[in-house]
PDB file of N, CA and C in Angstrom:
ATOM      1  N   MET A   1     133.919  12.302 158.967  1.00  0.00           N
ATOM      2  CA  MET A   1     135.231  12.984 158.982  1.00  0.00           C
ATOM      3  C   MET A   1     136.362  12.055 159.395  1.00  0.00           C
ATOM      4  N   TRP A   2     136.046  11.148 160.336  1.00  0.00           N
ATOM      5  CA  TRP A   2     137.051  10.225 160.922  1.00  0.00           C
ATOM      6  C   TRP A   2     136.898   8.791 160.305  1.00  0.00           C
ATOM      7  N   ALA A   3     136.172   8.682 159.159  1.00  0.00           N
ATOM      8  CA  ALA A   3     135.883   7.381 158.640  1.00  0.00           C
ATOM      9  C   ALA A   3     137.239   6.591 158.238  1.00  0.00           C
ATOM     10  N   ASN A   4     138.277   7.297 157.936  1.00  0.00           N
ATOM     11  CA  ASN A   4     139.463   6.647 157.519  1.00  0.00           C
ATOM     12  C   ASN A   4     140.313   6.072 158.631  1.00  0.00           C
ATOM     13  N   THR A   5     139.886   6.270 159.796  1.00  0.00           N
ATOM     14  CA  THR A   5     140.708   5.776 160.997  1.00  0.00           C
ATOM     15  C   THR A   5     140.393   4.352 161.156  1.00  0.00           C
ATOM     16  N   SER A   6     141.397   3.599 161.739  1.00  0.00           N
ATOM     17  CA  SER A   6     141.235   2.124 161.793  1.00  0.00           C
ATOM     18  C   SER A   6     140.264   1.735 162.921  1.00  0.00           C
ATOM     19  N   LEU A   7     140.109   2.625 163.871  1.00  0.00           N
ATOM     20  CA  LEU A   7     139.094   2.349 164.925  1.00  0.00           C
ATOM     21  C   LEU A   7     138.083   3.531 164.836  1.00  0.00           C
ATOM     22  N   SER A   8     136.773   3.183 165.087  1.00  0.00           N
ATOM     23  CA  SER A   8     135.775   4.265 165.146  1.00  0.00           C
ATOM     24  C   SER A   8     135.844   4.823 166.537  1.00  0.00           C
ATOM     25  N   TRP A   9     135.207   5.919 166.703  1.00  0.00           N
ATOM     26  CA  TRP A   9     135.089   6.619 168.059  1.00  0.00           C
ATOM     27  C   TRP A   9     134.468   5.754 169.028  1.00  0.00           C
ATOM     28  N   ASN A  10     133.453   5.018 168.571  1.00  0.00           N
ATOM     29  CA  ASN A  10     132.762   4.156 169.488  1.00  0.00           C
ATOM     30  C   ASN A  10     133.682   2.956 169.959  1.00  0.00           C
ATOM     31  N   GLY A  11     134.455   2.466 168.981  1.00  0.00           N
ATOM     32  CA  GLY A  11     135.397   1.402 169.169  1.00  0.00           C
ATOM     33  C   GLY A  11     136.540   1.875 170.164  1.00  0.00           C
ATOM     34  N   LEU A  12     137.003   3.115 170.017  1.00  0.00           N
ATOM     35  CA  LEU A  12     137.965   3.661 170.917  1.00  0.00           C
ATOM     36  C   LEU A  12     137.490   3.834 172.311  1.00  0.00           C
ATOM     37  N   ARG A  13     136.232   4.274 172.403  1.00  0.00           N
ATOM     38  CA  ARG A  13     135.592   4.398 173.727  1.00  0.00           C
ATOM     39  C   ARG A  13     135.476   3.068 174.486  1.00  0.00           C
ATOM     40  N   ILE A  14     135.030   2.053 173.747  1.00  0.00           N
ATOM     41  CA  ILE A  14     134.789   0.772 174.227  1.00  0.00           C
ATOM     42  C   ILE A  14     136.229   0.224 174.701  1.00  0.00           C
ATOM     43  N   LEU A  15     137.155   0.320 173.812  1.00  0.00           N
ATOM     44  CA  LEU A  15     138.522  -0.165 174.159  1.00  0.00           C
ATOM     45  C   LEU A  15     139.139   0.538 175.355  1.00  0.00           C
ATOM     46  N   ARG A  16     138.899   1.860 175.482  1.00  0.00           N
ATOM     47  CA  ARG A  16     139.417   2.633 176.578  1.00  0.00           C
ATOM     48  C   ARG A  16     138.766   2.140 177.960  1.00  0.00           C
ATOM     49  N   GLN A  17     137.415   1.894 177.853  1.00  0.00           N
ATOM     50  CA  GLN A  17     136.794   1.431 179.024  1.00  0.00           C
ATOM     51  C   GLN A  17     137.228   0.060 179.458  1.00  0.00           C
ATOM     52  N   ARG A  18     137.368  -0.847 178.566  1.00  0.00           N
ATOM     53  CA  ARG A  18     137.797  -2.206 178.848  1.00  0.00           C
ATOM     54  C   ARG A  18     139.249  -2.160 179.476  1.00  0.00           C
ATOM     55  N   LEU A  19     140.022  -1.343 178.842  1.00  0.00           N
ATOM     56  CA  LEU A  19     141.524  -1.215 179.341  1.00  0.00           C
ATOM     57  C   LEU A  19     141.544  -0.706 180.730  1.00  0.00           C
ATOM     58  N   TRP A  20     140.808   0.325 181.007  1.00  0.00           N
ATOM     59  CA  TRP A  20     140.833   0.943 182.411  1.00  0.00           C
ATOM     60  C   TRP A  20     140.122   0.032 183.417  1.00  0.00           C
ATOM     61  N   ALA A  21     139.176  -0.717 183.020  1.00  0.00           N
ATOM     62  CA  ALA A  21     138.510  -1.712 183.866  1.00  0.00           C
ATOM     63  C   ALA A  21     139.431  -2.822 184.278  1.00  0.00           C
ATOM     64  N   ASP A  22     140.239  -3.317 183.193  1.00  0.00           N
ATOM     65  CA  ASP A  22     141.189  -4.362 183.436  1.00  0.00           C
ATOM     66  C   ASP A  22     142.303  -3.809 184.335  1.00  0.00           C
ATOM     67  N   LEU A  23     142.766  -2.554 184.216  1.00  0.00           N
ATOM     68  CA  LEU A  23     143.775  -2.036 184.995  1.00  0.00           C
ATOM     69  C   LEU A  23     143.300  -1.880 186.416  1.00  0.00           C
ATOM     70  N   ALA A  24     142.016  -1.570 186.623  1.00  0.00           N
ATOM     71  CA  ALA A  24     141.458  -1.433 187.997  1.00  0.00           C
ATOM     72  C   ALA A  24     141.350  -2.792 188.755  1.00  0.00           C
ATOM     73  N   GLY A  25     141.357  -3.837 187.986  1.00  0.00           N
ATOM     74  CA  GLY A  25     141.236  -5.177 188.653  1.00  0.00           C
ATOM     75  C   GLY A  25     139.844  -5.802 188.713  1.00  0.00           C
ATOM     76  N   LYS A  26     139.842  -6.960 189.094  1.00  0.00           N
ATOM     77  CA  LYS A  26     138.538  -7.685 189.080  1.00  0.00           C
ATOM     78  C   LYS A  26     138.248  -8.222 190.436  1.00  0.00           C
ATOM     79  N   ALA A  27     136.936  -8.412 190.811  1.00  0.00           N
ATOM     80  CA  ALA A  27     136.558  -8.894 192.111  1.00  0.00           C
ATOM     81  C   ALA A  27     136.970 -10.442 192.239  1.00  0.00           C
ATOM     82  N   ASP A  28     137.417 -10.747 193.293  1.00  0.00           N
ATOM     83  CA  ASP A  28     137.821 -12.128 193.644  1.00  0.00           C
ATOM     84  C   ASP A  28     136.487 -12.965 193.693  1.00  0.00           C
ATOM     85  N   SER A  29     136.550 -14.117 193.023  1.00  0.00           N
ATOM     86  CA  SER A  29     135.320 -15.000 192.934  1.00  0.00           C
ATOM     87  C   SER A  29     134.960 -15.634 194.346  1.00  0.00           C
ATOM     88  N   LYS A  30     135.972 -15.763 195.153  1.00  0.00           N
ATOM     89  CA  LYS A  30     135.850 -16.363 196.583  1.00  0.00           C
ATOM     90  C   LYS A  30     135.464 -15.243 197.543  1.00  0.00           C
ATOM     91  N   ASP A  31     135.964 -14.114 197.422  1.00  0.00           N
ATOM     92  CA  ASP A  31     135.690 -12.971 198.292  1.00  0.00           C
ATOM     93  C   ASP A  31     135.352 -11.677 197.493  1.00  0.00           C
ATOM     94  N   PRO A  32     134.079 -11.403 197.210  1.00  0.00           N
ATOM     95  CA  PRO A  32     133.738 -10.224 196.402  1.00  0.00           C
ATOM     96  C   PRO A  32     134.196  -8.951 196.914  1.00  0.00           C
ATOM     97  N   THR A  33     134.534  -8.920 198.147  1.00  0.00           N
ATOM     98  CA  THR A  33     135.074  -7.545 198.684  1.00  0.00           C
ATOM     99  C   THR A  33     136.493  -7.309 198.380  1.00  0.00           C
ATOM    100  N   ARG A  34     137.167  -8.357 197.879  1.00  0.00           N
ATOM    101  CA  ARG A  34     138.649  -8.277 197.566  1.00  0.00           C
ATOM    102  C   ARG A  34     138.804  -8.070 195.984  1.00  0.00           C
ATOM    103  N   ILE A  35     139.686  -7.119 195.598  1.00  0.00           N
ATOM    104  CA  ILE A  35     139.962  -6.820 194.264  1.00  0.00           C
ATOM    105  C   ILE A  35     141.285  -7.439 193.936  1.00  0.00           C
ATOM    106  N   ILE A  36     141.304  -8.174 192.810  1.00  0.00           N
ATOM    107  CA  ILE A  36     142.586  -8.784 192.354  1.00  0.00           C
ATOM    108  C   ILE A  36     143.103  -7.819 191.213  1.00  0.00           C
ATOM    109  N   ARG A  37     144.213  -7.211 191.398  1.00  0.00           N
ATOM    110  CA  ARG A  37     144.833  -6.345 190.469  1.00  0.00           C
ATOM    111  C   ARG A  37     145.806  -7.085 189.539  1.00  0.00           C
ATOM    112  N   PRO A  38     146.023  -6.654 188.335  1.00  0.00           N
ATOM    113  CA  PRO A  38     146.942  -7.359 187.403  1.00  0.00           C
ATOM    114  C   PRO A  38     148.361  -7.042 187.969  1.00  0.00           C
ATOM    115  N   GLU A  39     149.166  -8.062 187.718  1.00  0.00           N
ATOM    116  CA  GLU A  39     150.620  -8.006 188.096  1.00  0.00           C
ATOM    117  C   GLU A  39     151.449  -8.429 187.076  1.00  0.00           C
ATOM    118  N   GLY A  40     152.775  -8.148 187.223  1.00  0.00           N
ATOM    119  CA  GLY A  40     153.805  -8.652 186.290  1.00  0.00           C
ATOM    120  C   GLY A  40     153.591  -8.385 184.754  1.00  0.00           C
ATOM    121  N   GLU A  41     153.590  -9.447 184.012  1.00  0.00           N
ATOM    122  CA  GLU A  41     153.514  -9.387 182.553  1.00  0.00           C
ATOM    123  C   GLU A  41     152.103  -8.836 182.095  1.00  0.00           C
ATOM    124  N   ALA A  42     151.050  -9.195 182.854  1.00  0.00           N
ATOM    125  CA  ALA A  42     149.724  -8.728 182.482  1.00  0.00           C
ATOM    126  C   ALA A  42     149.650  -7.280 182.737  1.00  0.00           C
ATOM    127  N   LEU A  43     150.208  -6.711 183.785  1.00  0.00           N
ATOM    128  CA  LEU A  43     150.243  -5.290 184.023  1.00  0.00           C
ATOM    129  C   LEU A  43     151.010  -4.543 183.002  1.00  0.00           C
ATOM    130  N   ALA A  44     152.162  -5.042 182.628  1.00  0.00           N
ATOM    131  CA  ALA A  44     152.998  -4.372 181.589  1.00  0.00           C
ATOM    132  C   ALA A  44     152.307  -4.418 180.250  1.00  0.00           C
ATOM    133  N   THR A  45     151.613  -5.470 179.979  1.00  0.00           N
ATOM    134  CA  THR A  45     150.810  -5.493 178.629  1.00  0.00           C
ATOM    135  C   THR A  45     149.702  -4.489 178.627  1.00  0.00           C
ATOM    136  N   LEU A  46     149.044  -4.404 179.736  1.00  0.00           N
ATOM    137  CA  LEU A  46     147.914  -3.355 179.894  1.00  0.00           C
ATOM    138  C   LEU A  46     148.457  -1.936 179.762  1.00  0.00           C
ATOM    139  N   ILE A  47     149.513  -1.603 180.429  1.00  0.00           N
ATOM    140  CA  ILE A  47     150.109  -0.291 180.405  1.00  0.00           C
ATOM    141  C   ILE A  47     150.568  -0.032 178.971  1.00  0.00           C
ATOM    142  N   ASN A  48     151.176  -1.018 178.302  1.00  0.00           N
ATOM    143  CA  ASN A  48     151.681  -0.764 176.853  1.00  0.00           C
ATOM    144  C   ASN A  48     150.428  -0.559 176.000  1.00  0.00           C
ATOM    145  N   ALA A  49     149.358  -1.221 176.239  1.00  0.00           N
ATOM    146  CA  ALA A  49     148.100  -0.982 175.389  1.00  0.00           C
ATOM    147  C   ALA A  49     147.586   0.435 175.647  1.00  0.00           C
ATOM    148  N   ALA A  50     147.579   0.913 176.884  1.00  0.00           N
ATOM    149  CA  ALA A  50     147.151   2.227 177.224  1.00  0.00           C
ATOM    150  C   ALA A  50     147.928   3.278 176.496  1.00  0.00           C
ATOM    151  N   VAL A  51     149.249   3.073 176.514  1.00  0.00           N
ATOM    152  CA  VAL A  51     150.215   3.990 175.860  1.00  0.00           C
ATOM    153  C   VAL A  51     149.909   4.024 174.327  1.00  0.00           C
ATOM    154  N   ARG A  52     149.640   2.889 173.804  1.00  0.00           N
ATOM    155  CA  ARG A  52     149.477   2.732 172.267  1.00  0.00           C
ATOM    156  C   ARG A  52     148.076   3.451 171.985  1.00  0.00           C
ATOM    157  N   LEU A  53     147.123   3.180 172.820  1.00  0.00           N
ATOM    158  CA  LEU A  53     145.865   3.766 172.601  1.00  0.00           C
ATOM    159  C   LEU A  53     145.935   5.366 172.660  1.00  0.00           C
ATOM    160  N   SER A  54     146.629   5.869 173.579  1.00  0.00           N
ATOM    161  CA  SER A  54     146.749   7.241 173.784  1.00  0.00           C
ATOM    162  C   SER A  54     147.476   7.801 172.584  1.00  0.00           C
ATOM    163  N   ARG A  55     148.534   7.208 172.166  1.00  0.00           N
ATOM    164  CA  ARG A  55     149.190   7.707 170.942  1.00  0.00           C
ATOM    165  C   ARG A  55     148.244   7.750 169.704  1.00  0.00           C
ATOM    166  N   HIS A  56     147.514   6.613 169.565  1.00  0.00           N
ATOM    167  CA  HIS A  56     146.578   6.584 168.440  1.00  0.00           C
ATOM    168  C   HIS A  56     145.552   7.783 168.500  1.00  0.00           C
ATOM    169  N   GLU A  57     144.989   7.974 169.659  1.00  0.00           N
ATOM    170  CA  GLU A  57     144.066   9.053 169.848  1.00  0.00           C
ATOM    171  C   GLU A  57     144.633  10.326 169.585  1.00  0.00           C
ATOM    172  N   ALA A  58     145.929  10.649 169.991  1.00  0.00           N
ATOM    173  CA  ALA A  58     146.583  11.864 169.764  1.00  0.00           C
ATOM    174  C   ALA A  58     146.758  12.021 168.276  1.00  0.00           C
ATOM    175  N   MET A  59     147.141  10.902 167.553  1.00  0.00           N
ATOM    176  CA  MET A  59     147.391  11.044 166.165  1.00  0.00           C
ATOM    177  C   MET A  59     146.127  11.350 165.420  1.00  0.00           C
ATOM    178  N   VAL A  60     144.933  10.715 165.813  1.00  0.00           N
ATOM    179  CA  VAL A  60     143.743  10.921 165.034  1.00  0.00           C
ATOM    180  C   VAL A  60     143.227  12.363 165.355  1.00  0.00           C
ATOM    181  N   LEU A  61     143.400  12.848 166.580  1.00  0.00           N
ATOM    182  CA  LEU A  61     142.935  14.223 166.917  1.00  0.00           C
ATOM    183  C   LEU A  61     143.908  15.298 166.524  1.00  0.00           C
ATOM    184  N   GLY A  62     145.073  14.988 166.130  1.00  0.00           N
ATOM    185  CA  GLY A  62     146.023  15.903 165.651  1.00  0.00           C
ATOM    186  C   GLY A  62     146.843  16.523 166.831  1.00  0.00           C
ATOM    187  N   LEU A  63     146.830  15.917 168.006  1.00  0.00           N
ATOM    188  CA  LEU A  63     147.403  16.509 169.171  1.00  0.00           C
ATOM    189  C   LEU A  63     148.935  16.239 169.125  1.00  0.00           C
ATOM    190  N   ASP A  64     149.438  15.375 168.266  1.00  0.00           N
ATOM    191  CA  ASP A  64     150.822  15.136 168.119  1.00  0.00           C
ATOM    192  C   ASP A  64     151.448  15.926 167.037  1.00  0.00           C
ATOM    193  N   ALA A  65     150.696  16.915 166.467  1.00  0.00           N
ATOM    194  CA  ALA A  65     151.187  17.770 165.412  1.00  0.00           C
ATOM    195  C   ALA A  65     152.343  18.730 165.952  1.00  0.00           C
ATOM    196  N   PRO A  66     153.257  19.030 165.132  1.00  0.00           N
ATOM    197  CA  PRO A  66     154.414  19.871 165.662  1.00  0.00           C
ATOM    198  C   PRO A  66     153.839  21.255 166.044  1.00  0.00           C
ATOM    199  N   ALA A  67     154.560  21.833 166.945  1.00  0.00           N
ATOM    200  CA  ALA A  67     154.200  23.243 167.496  1.00  0.00           C
ATOM    201  C   ALA A  67     154.609  24.195 166.452  1.00  0.00           C
ATOM    202  N   LYS A  68     153.960  25.441 166.585  1.00  0.00           N
ATOM    203  CA  LYS A  68     154.256  26.451 165.618  1.00  0.00           C
ATOM    204  C   LYS A  68     155.692  26.816 165.595  1.00  0.00           C
ATOM    205  N   ASN A  69     156.256  26.773 166.755  1.00  0.00           N
ATOM    206  CA  ASN A  69     157.732  27.071 166.865  1.00  0.00           C
ATOM    207  C   ASN A  69     158.549  26.085 166.072  1.00  0.00           C
ATOM    208  N   GLU A  70     158.223  24.810 166.142  1.00  0.00           N
ATOM    209  CA  GLU A  70     158.920  23.760 165.370  1.00  0.00           C
ATOM    210  C   GLU A  70     158.817  23.938 163.872  1.00  0.00           C
ATOM    211  N   ILE A  71     157.581  24.362 163.405  1.00  0.00           N
ATOM    212  CA  ILE A  71     157.330  24.549 162.006  1.00  0.00           C
ATOM    213  C   ILE A  71     158.221  25.837 161.490  1.00  0.00           C
ATOM    214  N   VAL A  72     158.182  26.846 162.292  1.00  0.00           N
ATOM    215  CA  VAL A  72     159.071  28.031 161.893  1.00  0.00           C
ATOM    216  C   VAL A  72     160.425  27.632 161.901  1.00  0.00           C
ATOM    217  N   ALA A  73     160.973  26.823 162.821  1.00  0.00           N
ATOM    218  CA  ALA A  73     162.350  26.363 162.793  1.00  0.00           C
ATOM    219  C   ALA A  73     162.753  25.643 161.677  1.00  0.00           C
ATOM    220  N   SER A  74     161.789  24.758 161.212  1.00  0.00           N
ATOM    221  CA  SER A  74     162.097  23.974 159.942  1.00  0.00           C
ATOM    222  C   SER A  74     162.165  24.811 158.695  1.00  0.00           C
ATOM    223  N   VAL A  75     161.406  25.971 158.613  1.00  0.00           N
ATOM    224  CA  VAL A  75     161.409  26.788 157.477  1.00  0.00           C
ATOM    225  C   VAL A  75     162.504  27.821 157.614  1.00  0.00           C
ATOM    226  N   VAL A  76     162.711  28.405 158.742  1.00  0.00           N
ATOM    227  CA  VAL A  76     163.630  29.540 158.837  1.00  0.00           C
ATOM    228  C   VAL A  76     165.054  29.028 159.176  1.00  0.00           C
ATOM    229  N   GLY A  77     165.076  27.876 159.886  1.00  0.00           N
ATOM    230  CA  GLY A  77     166.391  27.259 160.314  1.00  0.00           C
ATOM    231  C   GLY A  77     166.747  27.609 161.771  1.00  0.00           C
ATOM    232  N   ARG A  78     165.835  28.288 162.492  1.00  0.00           N
ATOM    233  CA  ARG A  78     166.104  28.517 163.925  1.00  0.00           C
ATOM    234  C   ARG A  78     164.811  28.631 164.554  1.00  0.00           C
ATOM    235  N   THR A  79     164.751  28.471 165.908  1.00  0.00           N
ATOM    236  CA  THR A  79     163.539  28.601 166.583  1.00  0.00           C
ATOM    237  C   THR A  79     163.215  30.107 166.975  1.00  0.00           C
ATOM    238  N   LEU A  80     162.042  30.374 167.328  1.00  0.00           N
ATOM    239  CA  LEU A  80     161.673  31.717 167.696  1.00  0.00           C
ATOM    240  C   LEU A  80     162.161  31.975 169.135  1.00  0.00           C
ATOM    241  N   ASP A  81     162.827  32.996 169.420  1.00  0.00           N
ATOM    242  CA  ASP A  81     163.162  33.356 170.772  1.00  0.00           C
ATOM    243  C   ASP A  81     162.362  34.577 171.160  1.00  0.00           C
ATOM    244  N   TYR A  82     161.457  34.365 171.994  1.00  0.00           N
ATOM    245  CA  TYR A  82     160.494  35.428 172.400  1.00  0.00           C
ATOM    246  C   TYR A  82     161.188  36.606 173.176  1.00  0.00           C
ATOM    247  N   GLU A  83     162.229  36.321 173.868  1.00  0.00           N
ATOM    248  CA  GLU A  83     162.988  37.369 174.602  1.00  0.00           C
ATOM    249  C   GLU A  83     163.635  38.173 173.509  1.00  0.00           C
ATOM    250  N   GLU A  84     164.266  37.537 172.412  1.00  0.00           N
ATOM    251  CA  GLU A  84     164.924  38.294 171.369  1.00  0.00           C
ATOM    252  C   GLU A  84     163.852  39.166 170.677  1.00  0.00           C
ATOM    253  N   LEU A  85     162.728  38.610 170.373  1.00  0.00           N
ATOM    254  CA  LEU A  85     161.651  39.300 169.644  1.00  0.00           C
ATOM    255  C   LEU A  85     161.212  40.585 170.516  1.00  0.00           C
ATOM    256  N   GLY A  86     161.154  40.375 171.843  1.00  0.00           N
ATOM    257  CA  GLY A  86     160.725  41.512 172.717  1.00  0.00           C
ATOM    258  C   GLY A  86     161.778  42.522 172.673  1.00  0.00           C
ATOM    259  N   ALA A  87     163.078  42.208 172.693  1.00  0.00           N
ATOM    260  CA  ALA A  87     164.176  43.182 172.589  1.00  0.00           C
ATOM    261  C   ALA A  87     164.103  43.923 171.374  1.00  0.00           C
ATOM    262  N   GLN A  88     163.852  43.224 170.297  1.00  0.00           N
ATOM    263  CA  GLN A  88     163.863  43.972 168.964  1.00  0.00           C
ATOM    264  C   GLN A  88     162.601  44.859 168.918  1.00  0.00           C
ATOM    265  N   TRP A  89     161.504  44.474 169.490  1.00  0.00           N
ATOM    266  CA  TRP A  89     160.304  45.401 169.554  1.00  0.00           C
ATOM    267  C   TRP A  89     160.564  46.511 170.416  1.00  0.00           C
ATOM    268  N   ASP A  90     161.277  46.384 171.521  1.00  0.00           N
ATOM    269  CA  ASP A  90     161.688  47.573 172.344  1.00  0.00           C
ATOM    270  C   ASP A  90     162.615  48.597 171.679  1.00  0.00           C
ATOM    271  N   ARG A  91     163.444  48.051 170.757  1.00  0.00           N
ATOM    272  CA  ARG A  91     164.430  48.957 170.039  1.00  0.00           C
ATOM    273  C   ARG A  91     163.661  49.706 168.971  1.00  0.00           C
ATOM    274  N   LEU A  92     162.498  49.389 168.517  1.00  0.00           N
ATOM    275  CA  LEU A  92     161.793  50.048 167.544  1.00  0.00           C
ATOM    276  C   LEU A  92     161.305  51.474 168.123  1.00  0.00           C
ATOM    277  N   THR A  93     161.210  52.448 167.256  1.00  0.00           N
ATOM    278  CA  THR A  93     160.713  53.742 167.777  1.00  0.00           C
ATOM    279  C   THR A  93     159.179  53.600 167.887  1.00  0.00           C
ATOM    280  N   PRO A  94     158.578  54.426 168.620  1.00  0.00           N
ATOM    281  CA  PRO A  94     157.094  54.403 168.816  1.00  0.00           C
ATOM    282  C   PRO A  94     156.365  54.372 167.475  1.00  0.00           C
ATOM    283  N   GLN A  95     156.895  55.121 166.530  1.00  0.00           N
ATOM    284  CA  GLN A  95     156.298  55.209 165.162  1.00  0.00           C
ATOM    285  C   GLN A  95     156.391  53.866 164.459  1.00  0.00           C
ATOM    286  N   GLY A  96     157.613  53.173 164.625  1.00  0.00           N
ATOM    287  CA  GLY A  96     157.792  51.879 164.068  1.00  0.00           C
ATOM    288  C   GLY A  96     156.915  50.773 164.617  1.00  0.00           C
ATOM    289  N   GLN A  97     156.611  50.983 165.956  1.00  0.00           N
ATOM    290  CA  GLN A  97     155.786  49.899 166.646  1.00  0.00           C
ATOM    291  C   GLN A  97     154.300  50.076 166.134  1.00  0.00           C
ATOM    292  N   ILE A  98     153.863  51.203 165.689  1.00  0.00           N
ATOM    293  CA  ILE A  98     152.500  51.425 165.284  1.00  0.00           C
ATOM    294  C   ILE A  98     152.321  50.794 163.887  1.00  0.00           C
ATOM    295  N   SER A  99     153.224  51.023 162.926  1.00  0.00           N
ATOM    296  CA  SER A  99     153.024  50.527 161.603  1.00  0.00           C
ATOM    297  C   SER A  99     153.278  49.092 161.388  1.00  0.00           C
TER     298      SER A  99
END
């Protein structure tokens, strides 16, 4: 199903693991109890990669799709106002609410 994506699911998983491992830092070679965390340009690059990866995953999974309200607004020309719909429902007679 996802064969057309540029990265396979396994590739995304591995990339995500590497990215978070790099963001967590690496052990100091001289003092293994000390963690060296990325700073400056390296940190900015890692954060940018995390954002791009998240966007890619959202696109592949369809999580960046427009909301139902946005689709209705593009077709009808206005967004749904749930308070207005509730008021219209309340104005209906009990017989009109059934049918």
